[in-house]
C-alpha atoms as a PDB file:
ATOM      1  CA  MET A   1      29.384 107.778 143.555  1.00  0.00           C
ATOM      2  CA  GLN A   2      32.499 108.456 145.154  1.00  0.00           C
ATOM      3  CA  THR A   3      34.447 106.857 142.378  1.00  0.00           C
ATOM      4  CA  LEU A   4      33.225 109.433 139.930  1.00  0.00           C
ATOM      5  CA  ASP A   5      34.681 112.291 141.877  1.00  0.00           C
ATOM      6  CA  ILE A   6      38.082 110.799 141.724  1.00  0.00           C
ATOM      7  CA  ILE A   7      37.957 110.100 138.019  1.00  0.00           C
ATOM      8  CA  SER A   8      35.950 113.114 137.090  1.00  0.00           C
ATOM      9  CA  VAL A   9      37.273 115.641 134.656  1.00  0.00           C
ATOM     10  CA  ASN A  10      37.455 119.193 135.816  1.00  0.00           C
ATOM     11  CA  LEU A  11      37.468 121.554 132.875  1.00  0.00           C
ATOM     12  CA  TRP A  12      38.960 124.447 134.809  1.00  0.00           C
ATOM     13  CA  GLN A  13      41.872 122.409 135.960  1.00  0.00           C
ATOM     14  CA  ILE A  14      42.562 121.226 132.431  1.00  0.00           C
ATOM     15  CA  LEU A  15      42.395 124.753 131.159  1.00  0.00           C
ATOM     16  CA  ILE A  16      44.716 126.019 133.900  1.00  0.00           C
ATOM     17  CA  SER A  17      47.133 123.149 133.208  1.00  0.00           C
ATOM     18  CA  LEU A  18      47.095 123.959 129.528  1.00  0.00           C
ATOM     19  CA  LEU A  19      47.639 127.611 130.256  1.00  0.00           C
ATOM     20  CA  ASN A  20      50.528 126.691 132.565  1.00  0.00           C
ATOM     21  CA  LEU A  21      51.989 124.516 129.857  1.00  0.00           C
ATOM     22  CA  VAL A  22      51.759 127.298 127.253  1.00  0.00           C
ATOM     23  CA  LEU A  23      53.234 129.821 129.690  1.00  0.00           C
ATOM     24  CA  LEU A  24      56.016 127.420 130.569  1.00  0.00           C
ATOM     25  CA  PHE A  25      56.664 126.794 126.879  1.00  0.00           C
ATOM     26  CA  LEU A  26      56.829 130.549 126.131  1.00  0.00           C
ATOM     27  CA  ILE A  27      59.112 131.206 129.083  1.00  0.00           C
ATOM     28  CA  VAL A  28      61.409 128.334 128.178  1.00  0.00           C
ATOM     29  CA  LYS A  29      61.365 129.446 124.527  1.00  0.00           C
ATOM     30  CA  LYS A  30      62.175 133.033 125.453  1.00  0.00           C
ATOM     31  CA  PHE A  31      64.852 132.351 128.032  1.00  0.00           C
ATOM     32  CA  LEU A  32      66.221 128.959 127.032  1.00  0.00           C
ATOM     33  CA  PHE A  33      65.647 128.140 123.362  1.00  0.00           C
ATOM     34  CA  LYS A  34      66.690 131.499 121.870  1.00  0.00           C
ATOM     35  CA  PRO A  35      69.976 131.782 123.817  1.00  0.00           C
ATOM     36  CA  VAL A  36      70.795 128.143 123.201  1.00  0.00           C
ATOM     37  CA  LYS A  37      69.873 128.546 119.529  1.00  0.00           C
ATOM     38  CA  ASN A  38      71.989 131.709 119.258  1.00  0.00           C
ATOM     39  CA  THR A  39      74.915 129.957 120.982  1.00  0.00           C
ATOM     40  CA  LEU A  40      74.573 126.999 118.617  1.00  0.00           C
ATOM     41  CA  GLU A  41      74.440 129.337 115.587  1.00  0.00           C
ATOM     42  CA  LYS A  42      77.568 131.187 116.800  1.00  0.00           C
ATOM     43  CA  ARG A  43      79.382 127.917 117.324  1.00  0.00           C
ATOM     44  CA  GLN A  44      78.284 126.696 113.896  1.00  0.00           C
ATOM     45  CA  LYS A  45      79.610 129.927 112.321  1.00  0.00           C
ATOM     46  CA  GLU A  46      82.923 129.532 114.175  1.00  0.00           C
ATOM     47  CA  ILE A  47      83.195 125.921 113.019  1.00  0.00           C
ATOM     48  CA  ASP A  48      82.358 126.920 109.436  1.00  0.00           C
ATOM     49  CA  GLU A  49      84.979 129.707 109.589  1.00  0.00           C
ATOM     50  CA  ARG A  50      87.551 127.258 110.945  1.00  0.00           C
ATOM     51  CA  TYR A  51      86.748 124.777 108.169  1.00  0.00           C
ATOM     52  CA  THR A  52      87.068 127.550 105.588  1.00  0.00           C
ATOM     53  CA  ALA A  53      90.370 128.692 107.118  1.00  0.00           C
ATOM     54  CA  ALA A  54      91.582 125.081 107.233  1.00  0.00           C
ATOM     55  CA  HIS A  55      90.691 124.553 103.572  1.00  0.00           C
ATOM     56  CA  THR A  56      92.410 127.818 102.658  1.00  0.00           C
ATOM     57  CA  ALA A  57      95.501 126.866 104.670  1.00  0.00           C
ATOM     58  CA  GLU A  58      95.484 123.409 103.076  1.00  0.00           C
ATOM     59  CA  ALA A  59      95.300 124.946  99.588  1.00  0.00           C
ATOM     60  CA  GLU A  60      98.153 127.344 100.440  1.00  0.00           C
ATOM     61  CA  ALA A  61     100.195 124.474 101.854  1.00  0.00           C
ATOM     62  CA  GLU A  62      99.602 122.474  98.681  1.00  0.00           C
ATOM     63  CA  GLN A  63     100.723 125.452  96.584  1.00  0.00           C
ATOM     64  CA  SER A  64     103.802 125.887  98.776  1.00  0.00           C
ATOM     65  CA  ARG A  65     104.568 122.174  98.527  1.00  0.00           C
ATOM     66  CA  ALA A  66     104.257 122.291  94.742  1.00  0.00           C
ATOM     67  CA  ALA A  67     106.500 125.373  94.618  1.00  0.00           C
ATOM     68  CA  TRP A  68     109.096 123.675  96.845  1.00  0.00           C
ATOM     69  CA  GLU A  69     109.005 120.523  94.756  1.00  0.00           C
ATOM     70  CA  GLU A  70     109.531 122.620  91.642  1.00  0.00           C
ATOM     71  CA  LYS A  71     112.418 124.491  93.282  1.00  0.00           C
ATOM     72  CA  LEU A  72     113.893 121.210  94.517  1.00  0.00           C
ATOM     73  CA  SER A  73     113.672 119.733  91.035  1.00  0.00           C
ATOM     74  CA  GLY A  74     115.315 122.851  89.609  1.00  0.00           C
ATOM     75  CA  ALA A  75     118.008 122.719  92.291  1.00  0.00           C
ATOM     76  CA  GLU A  76     118.686 119.054  91.546  1.00  0.00           C
ATOM     77  CA  LYS A  77     119.006 119.837  87.839  1.00  0.00           C
ATOM     78  CA  GLU A  78     121.276 122.786  88.593  1.00  0.00           C
ATOM     79  CA  ALA A  79     123.399 120.665  90.938  1.00  0.00           C
ATOM     80  CA  ALA A  80     123.718 117.979  88.271  1.00  0.00           C
ATOM     81  CA  SER A  81     124.689 120.632  85.727  1.00  0.00           C
ATOM     82  CA  ILE A  82     127.283 122.158  88.070  1.00  0.00           C
ATOM     83  CA  LEU A  83     128.666 118.711  88.889  1.00  0.00           C
ATOM     84  CA  GLN A  84     128.911 117.820  85.195  1.00  0.00           C
ATOM     85  CA  SER A  85     130.600 121.145  84.440  1.00  0.00           C
ATOM     86  CA  ALA A  86     133.086 120.650  87.278  1.00  0.00           C
ATOM     87  CA  THR A  87     133.797 117.094  86.119  1.00  0.00           C
ATOM     88  CA  ASP A  88     134.371 118.252  82.549  1.00  0.00           C
ATOM     89  CA  HIS A  89     136.618 121.084  83.717  1.00  0.00           C
ATOM     90  CA  ALA A  90     138.607 118.747  85.976  1.00  0.00           C
ATOM     91  CA  LYS A  91     139.034 116.249  83.132  1.00  0.00           C
ATOM     92  CA  PHE A  92     140.151 118.991  80.768  1.00  0.00           C
ATOM     93  CA  ARG A  93     142.578 120.375  83.365  1.00  0.00           C
ATOM     94  CA  GLY A  94     143.896 116.868  84.068  1.00  0.00           C
ATOM     95  CA  ASP A  95     144.475 116.286  80.351  1.00  0.00           C
ATOM     96  CA  GLN A  96     146.291 119.618  80.128  1.00  0.00           C
ATOM     97  CA  MET A  97     148.492 118.733  83.097  1.00  0.00           C
ATOM     98  CA  ILE A  98     149.337 115.338  81.580  1.00  0.00           C
ATOM     99  CA  LEU A  99     150.176 116.988  78.257  1.00  0.00           C
ATOM    100  CA  GLU A 100     152.380 119.590  79.983  1.00  0.00           C
ATOM    101  CA  ALA A 101     154.102 116.854  81.997  1.00  0.00           C
ATOM    102  CA  ARG A 102     154.770 114.851  78.837  1.00  0.00           C
ATOM    103  CA  GLU A 103     156.167 117.923  77.097  1.00  0.00           C
ATOM    104  CA  ARG A 104     158.428 118.650  80.078  1.00  0.00           C
ATOM    105  CA  ALA A 105     159.551 115.038  80.229  1.00  0.00           C
ATOM    106  CA  ASP A 106     160.289 115.047  76.493  1.00  0.00           C
ATOM    107  CA  GLY A 107     162.221 118.305  76.922  1.00  0.00           C
ATOM    108  CA  ILE A 108     164.187 116.831  79.821  1.00  0.00           C
ATOM    109  CA  VAL A 109     164.938 113.687  77.807  1.00  0.00           C
ATOM    110  CA  ARG A 110     166.053 115.759  74.798  1.00  0.00           C
ATOM    111  CA  ALA A 111     168.211 117.963  77.012  1.00  0.00           C
ATOM    112  CA  ALA A 112     169.714 114.889  78.670  1.00  0.00           C
ATOM    113  CA  GLN A 113     170.393 113.313  75.290  1.00  0.00           C
ATOM    114  CA  ALA A 114     171.983 116.521  74.011  1.00  0.00           C
ATOM    115  CA  GLU A 115     174.057 116.797  77.172  1.00  0.00           C
ATOM    116  CA  ALA A 116     175.076 113.136  76.923  1.00  0.00           C
ATOM    117  CA  GLU A 117     176.041 113.643  73.291  1.00  0.00           C
ATOM    118  CA  LEU A 118     178.059 116.729  74.240  1.00  0.00           C
ATOM    119  CA  GLU A 119     179.745 114.853  77.078  1.00  0.00           C
ATOM    120  CA  ARG A 120     180.475 111.950  74.721  1.00  0.00           C
ATOM    121  CA  LYS A 121     182.052 114.326  72.216  1.00  0.00           C
ATOM    122  CA  LYS A 122     184.080 115.993  74.953  1.00  0.00           C
ATOM    123  CA  ALA A 123     185.222 112.610  76.235  1.00  0.00           C
ATOM    124  CA  THR A 124     186.073 111.496  72.692  1.00  0.00           C
ATOM    125  CA  ASP A 125     188.040 114.680  72.072  1.00  0.00           C
ATOM    126  CA  GLU A 126     189.833 114.285  75.409  1.00  0.00           C
ATOM    127  CA  ILE A 127     190.679 110.663  74.619  1.00  0.00           C
ATOM    128  CA  LYS A 128     191.951 111.704  71.188  1.00  0.00           C
ATOM    129  CA  LYS A 129     194.175 114.328  72.796  1.00  0.00           C
ATOM    130  CA  GLN A 130     195.514 111.824  75.291  1.00  0.00           C
ATOM    131  CA  ILE A 131     196.116 109.255  72.552  1.00  0.00           C
ATOM    132  CA  VAL A 132     197.951 111.865  70.504  1.00  0.00           C
ATOM    133  CA  GLU A 133     200.097 112.843  73.449  1.00  0.00           C
ATOM    134  CA  VAL A 134     200.796 109.249  74.462  1.00  0.00           C
ATOM    135  CA  SER A 135     201.507 108.124  70.927  1.00  0.00           C
ATOM    136  CA  GLY A 136     203.716 111.146  70.391  1.00  0.00           C
ATOM    137  CA  ALA A 137     205.671 110.312  73.505  1.00  0.00           C
ATOM    138  CA  LEU A 138     205.889 106.695  72.489  1.00  0.00           C
ATOM    139  CA  SER A 139     206.998 107.553  69.005  1.00  0.00           C
ATOM    140  CA  GLU A 140     209.719 109.829  70.273  1.00  0.00           C
ATOM    141  CA  LYS A 141     211.037 107.191  72.548  1.00  0.00           C
ATOM    142  CA  MET A 142     210.822 104.512  69.931  1.00  0.00           C
ATOM    143  CA  LEU A 143     212.538 106.457  67.269  1.00  0.00           C
ATOM    144  CA  ASP A 144     214.858 108.305  69.583  1.00  0.00           C
ATOM    145  CA  ARG A 145     214.504 111.311  67.549  1.00  0.00           C
ATOM    146  CA  GLU A 146     212.266 114.257  67.586  1.00  0.00           C
ATOM    147  CA  ILE A 147     209.126 114.073  65.474  1.00  0.00           C
ATOM    148  CA  ASN A 148     207.348 117.147  64.374  1.00  0.00           C
ATOM    149  CA  MET A 149     204.346 117.294  66.655  1.00  0.00           C
ATOM    150  CA  ASP A 150     202.003 118.746  63.997  1.00  0.00           C
ATOM    151  CA  ASP A 151     202.789 116.012  61.495  1.00  0.00           C
ATOM    152  CA  HIS A 152     202.351 113.360  64.114  1.00  0.00           C
ATOM    153  CA  ARG A 153     199.060 114.879  65.301  1.00  0.00           C
ATOM    154  CA  ASN A 154     197.675 115.010  61.737  1.00  0.00           C
ATOM    155  CA  LEU A 155     198.650 111.391  61.203  1.00  0.00           C
ATOM    156  CA  ILE A 156     196.898 110.251  64.408  1.00  0.00           C
ATOM    157  CA  ASP A 157     193.818 112.391  63.717  1.00  0.00           C
ATOM    158  CA  SER A 158     193.386 110.826  60.307  1.00  0.00           C
ATOM    159  CA  PHE A 159     193.807 107.361  61.876  1.00  0.00           C
ATOM    160  CA  LEU A 160     191.189 108.145  64.580  1.00  0.00           C
ATOM    161  CA  GLU A 161     188.752 109.510  62.009  1.00  0.00           C
ATOM    162  CA  LYS A 162     189.016 106.281  60.061  1.00  0.00           C
ATOM    163  CA  ILE A 163     188.312 104.325  63.260  1.00  0.00           C
ATOM    164  CA  GLY A 164     185.416 106.651  64.114  1.00  0.00           C
ATOM    165  CA  ASP A 165     183.938 106.243  60.612  1.00  0.00           C
ATOM    166  CA  GLU A 166     184.135 102.462  60.868  1.00  0.00           C
ATOM    167  CA  ASN A 167     182.400 102.449  64.296  1.00  0.00           C
ATOM    168  CA  GLU A 168     179.526 104.591  63.150  1.00  0.00           C
END
């Protein structure tokens, strides 16, 4: 019967073991589960707050990005408008400068032509005077007599006018 003592079930020992287990469970629950549970709840709240803040920041960033894209698009349009305006103004100013240069060149050409015509007339008049003087001197020597200078000049002027009319 010795084998029965070893295998035998002692009700008091089972009861004490169960009571120990319940006490241990209550102690662990009181001192370990509640603080760990509270710590886990706090951490979960912090994580939830961080996720909420991250979603809020992401939404704000998306709004800022959209606003910047809109501003950038507006700036690009404004830059294109300014560039087009500057190009148009430069073209207009260039056309004005070309027109002014042409007008000045035409004025210079007209002035040069008028001056050339005046110089030609002066040269023609000077040549006529010299011809009159030379022909008068020649006539005097050829005729050995004195010719009235006014008559001679009128005669040569009429001759030169006929030559001038034929050349024109």
